[in-house]
Amino acid sequence: MKFNELSNEELIFLYLLIEDIHVGIEEVLKEGGVTHIMDSPFGKIKLFAPFSDKELVDLNESSKVLLTRSIRKKLKPIFDLIGDVNQDLIDRVRSSLFPKEKEDESEEEDM
């Protein structure tokens, strides 16, 4: 299947990138700010910088957020269709995009 000359692999790649951005944005909006984990002489510490209500509204209404949501919504049915017939392709693309995902999750659990 091709969509305007994009292969299934390319469509999955785009969807996963947009989904990753979307998850990050929604987490910031839900938490009300940004979190950063850094190494310190005392070990890993979690820093949080809250956003004002106006900053959260501005972020939520920004073109980047609106475009991310729109593209994600349009690509999701295509992603699902491809996944129904070729889950291995999704797994391969996800592994190439986010190879350290499992390592990162175990590091966060240690905190």
C-alpha atoms as a PDB file:
ATOM      1  CA  MET A   1       0.000   0.000   0.000  1.00  0.00           C
ATOM      2  CA  LYS A   2       1.229   3.480  -0.814  1.00  0.00           C
ATOM      3  CA  PHE A   3      -0.232   6.810   0.175  1.00  0.00           C
ATOM      4  CA  ASN A   4       0.837   9.584  -2.163  1.00  0.00           C
ATOM      5  CA  GLU A   5       4.102   7.749  -2.838  1.00  0.00           C
ATOM      6  CA  LEU A   6       4.832   7.077   0.838  1.00  0.00           C
ATOM      7  CA  SER A   7       5.565   3.441   1.629  1.00  0.00           C
ATOM      8  CA  ASN A   8       4.092   1.654   4.643  1.00  0.00           C
ATOM      9  CA  GLU A   9       7.466   1.951   6.351  1.00  0.00           C
ATOM     10  CA  GLU A  10       7.554   5.703   5.761  1.00  0.00           C
ATOM     11  CA  LEU A  11       3.981   6.123   7.014  1.00  0.00           C
ATOM     12  CA  ILE A  12       4.770   4.153  10.171  1.00  0.00           C
ATOM     13  CA  PHE A  13       7.931   6.222  10.658  1.00  0.00           C
ATOM     14  CA  LEU A  14       5.976   9.486  10.386  1.00  0.00           C
ATOM     15  CA  TYR A  15       3.202   8.289  12.667  1.00  0.00           C
ATOM     16  CA  LEU A  16       5.630   7.122  15.361  1.00  0.00           C
ATOM     17  CA  LEU A  17       7.531  10.426  15.265  1.00  0.00           C
ATOM     18  CA  ILE A  18       4.312  12.431  15.536  1.00  0.00           C
ATOM     19  CA  GLU A  19       3.010  10.121  18.272  1.00  0.00           C
ATOM     20  CA  ASP A  20       6.215  10.613  20.267  1.00  0.00           C
ATOM     21  CA  ILE A  21       5.882  14.396  19.996  1.00  0.00           C
ATOM     22  CA  HIS A  22       2.189  14.169  20.880  1.00  0.00           C
ATOM     23  CA  VAL A  23       2.846  12.088  24.001  1.00  0.00           C
ATOM     24  CA  GLY A  24       5.488  14.575  25.176  1.00  0.00           C
ATOM     25  CA  ILE A  25       3.235  17.570  24.603  1.00  0.00           C
ATOM     26  CA  GLU A  26       0.250  15.969  26.319  1.00  0.00           C
ATOM     27  CA  GLU A  27       2.440  15.012  29.290  1.00  0.00           C
ATOM     28  CA  VAL A  28       3.622  18.606  29.671  1.00  0.00           C
ATOM     29  CA  LEU A  29       0.038  19.865  29.478  1.00  0.00           C
ATOM     30  CA  LYS A  30      -1.190  17.268  31.978  1.00  0.00           C
ATOM     31  CA  GLU A  31       1.667  17.883  34.417  1.00  0.00           C
ATOM     32  CA  GLY A  32       1.443  21.643  34.000  1.00  0.00           C
ATOM     33  CA  GLY A  33       5.151  22.041  33.249  1.00  0.00           C
ATOM     34  CA  VAL A  34       8.316  20.291  32.166  1.00  0.00           C
ATOM     35  CA  THR A  35      10.344  17.708  33.986  1.00  0.00           C
ATOM     36  CA  HIS A  36      14.053  17.114  33.495  1.00  0.00           C
ATOM     37  CA  ILE A  37      16.058  14.285  35.023  1.00  0.00           C
ATOM     38  CA  MET A  38      19.717  15.050  35.572  1.00  0.00           C
ATOM     39  CA  ASP A  39      22.726  13.513  37.186  1.00  0.00           C
ATOM     40  CA  SER A  40      24.062  15.259  40.259  1.00  0.00           C
ATOM     41  CA  PRO A  41      26.644  14.514  42.935  1.00  0.00           C
ATOM     42  CA  PHE A  42      23.723  13.055  44.907  1.00  0.00           C
ATOM     43  CA  GLY A  43      22.578  10.789  42.079  1.00  0.00           C
ATOM     44  CA  LYS A  44      19.760  11.335  39.617  1.00  0.00           C
ATOM     45  CA  ILE A  45      17.380  14.123  40.528  1.00  0.00           C
ATOM     46  CA  LYS A  46      14.114  15.174  38.966  1.00  0.00           C
ATOM     47  CA  LEU A  47      13.626  18.883  38.278  1.00  0.00           C
ATOM     48  CA  PHE A  48      10.208  20.367  37.535  1.00  0.00           C
ATOM     49  CA  ALA A  49       9.480  23.784  36.047  1.00  0.00           C
ATOM     50  CA  PRO A  50       5.786  24.691  36.171  1.00  0.00           C
ATOM     51  CA  PHE A  51       4.101  26.757  33.459  1.00  0.00           C
ATOM     52  CA  SER A  52       1.650  29.523  34.206  1.00  0.00           C
ATOM     53  CA  ASP A  53      -1.983  29.047  33.184  1.00  0.00           C
ATOM     54  CA  LYS A  54      -1.439  31.438  30.277  1.00  0.00           C
ATOM     55  CA  GLU A  55       1.633  29.533  29.093  1.00  0.00           C
ATOM     56  CA  LEU A  56      -0.335  26.272  29.186  1.00  0.00           C
ATOM     57  CA  VAL A  57      -3.204  27.815  27.207  1.00  0.00           C
ATOM     58  CA  ASP A  58      -0.756  29.278  24.685  1.00  0.00           C
ATOM     59  CA  LEU A  59       0.995  25.910  24.306  1.00  0.00           C
ATOM     60  CA  ASN A  60      -2.301  24.059  23.946  1.00  0.00           C
ATOM     61  CA  GLU A  61      -3.420  26.470  21.210  1.00  0.00           C
ATOM     62  CA  SER A  62      -0.060  26.732  19.417  1.00  0.00           C
ATOM     63  CA  SER A  63       0.196  25.748  15.777  1.00  0.00           C
ATOM     64  CA  LYS A  64       2.750  23.044  16.614  1.00  0.00           C
ATOM     65  CA  VAL A  65       0.354  21.332  19.021  1.00  0.00           C
ATOM     66  CA  LEU A  66      -2.660  21.732  16.738  1.00  0.00           C
ATOM     67  CA  LEU A  67      -0.739  20.399  13.723  1.00  0.00           C
ATOM     68  CA  THR A  68       0.647  17.491  15.740  1.00  0.00           C
ATOM     69  CA  ARG A  69      -2.839  16.490  16.881  1.00  0.00           C
ATOM     70  CA  SER A  70      -4.277  16.859  13.380  1.00  0.00           C
ATOM     71  CA  ILE A  71      -1.565  14.809  11.659  1.00  0.00           C
ATOM     72  CA  ARG A  72      -1.700  12.135  14.363  1.00  0.00           C
ATOM     73  CA  LYS A  73      -5.474  11.841  14.014  1.00  0.00           C
ATOM     74  CA  LYS A  74      -5.201  11.465  10.224  1.00  0.00           C
ATOM     75  CA  LEU A  75      -2.361   8.937  10.299  1.00  0.00           C
ATOM     76  CA  LYS A  76      -3.766   6.780  13.135  1.00  0.00           C
ATOM     77  CA  PRO A  77      -6.259   4.803  10.973  1.00  0.00           C
ATOM     78  CA  ILE A  78      -3.523   4.116   8.399  1.00  0.00           C
ATOM     79  CA  PHE A  79      -1.134   3.051  11.170  1.00  0.00           C
ATOM     80  CA  ASP A  80      -3.799   0.714  12.568  1.00  0.00           C
ATOM     81  CA  LEU A  81      -4.516  -0.826   9.144  1.00  0.00           C
ATOM     82  CA  ILE A  82      -0.830  -1.477   8.528  1.00  0.00           C
ATOM     83  CA  GLY A  83      -0.485  -2.926  12.026  1.00  0.00           C
ATOM     84  CA  ASP A  84      -3.359  -5.322  11.382  1.00  0.00           C
ATOM     85  CA  VAL A  85      -1.446  -6.943   8.523  1.00  0.00           C
ATOM     86  CA  ASN A  86       2.199  -6.252   9.366  1.00  0.00           C
ATOM     87  CA  GLN A  87       2.938  -5.730  13.061  1.00  0.00           C
ATOM     88  CA  ASP A  88       6.565  -6.769  12.433  1.00  0.00           C
ATOM     89  CA  LEU A  89       7.056  -3.674  10.273  1.00  0.00           C
ATOM     90  CA  ILE A  90       5.817  -1.439  13.082  1.00  0.00           C
ATOM     91  CA  ASP A  91       8.091  -3.186  15.570  1.00  0.00           C
ATOM     92  CA  ARG A  92      11.127  -2.811  13.260  1.00  0.00           C
ATOM     93  CA  VAL A  93      10.497   0.887  12.620  1.00  0.00           C
ATOM     94  CA  ARG A  94       9.846   1.542  16.324  1.00  0.00           C
ATOM     95  CA  SER A  95      13.092  -0.256  17.252  1.00  0.00           C
ATOM     96  CA  SER A  96      15.085   1.778  14.752  1.00  0.00           C
ATOM     97  CA  LEU A  97      13.548   5.059  15.938  1.00  0.00           C
ATOM     98  CA  PHE A  98      13.658   4.411  19.672  1.00  0.00           C
ATOM     99  CA  PRO A  99      16.401   1.819  20.257  1.00  0.00           C
ATOM    100  CA  LYS A 100      17.058   2.802  23.869  1.00  0.00           C
ATOM    101  CA  GLU A 101      13.412   3.023  24.946  1.00  0.00           C
ATOM    102  CA  LYS A 102      13.563  -0.017  27.249  1.00  0.00           C
ATOM    103  CA  GLU A 103      16.875   1.078  28.790  1.00  0.00           C
ATOM    104  CA  ASP A 104      15.469   4.558  29.469  1.00  0.00           C
ATOM    105  CA  GLU A 105      12.368   3.120  31.174  1.00  0.00           C
ATOM    106  CA  SER A 106      14.448   0.975  33.522  1.00  0.00           C
ATOM    107  CA  GLU A 107      16.635   3.978  34.433  1.00  0.00           C
ATOM    108  CA  GLU A 108      13.536   6.025  35.341  1.00  0.00           C
ATOM    109  CA  GLU A 109      12.242   3.197  37.522  1.00  0.00           C
ATOM    110  CA  ASP A 110      15.504   3.347  39.514  1.00  0.00           C
ATOM    111  CA  MET A 111      14.741   6.906  40.677  1.00  0.00           C
END
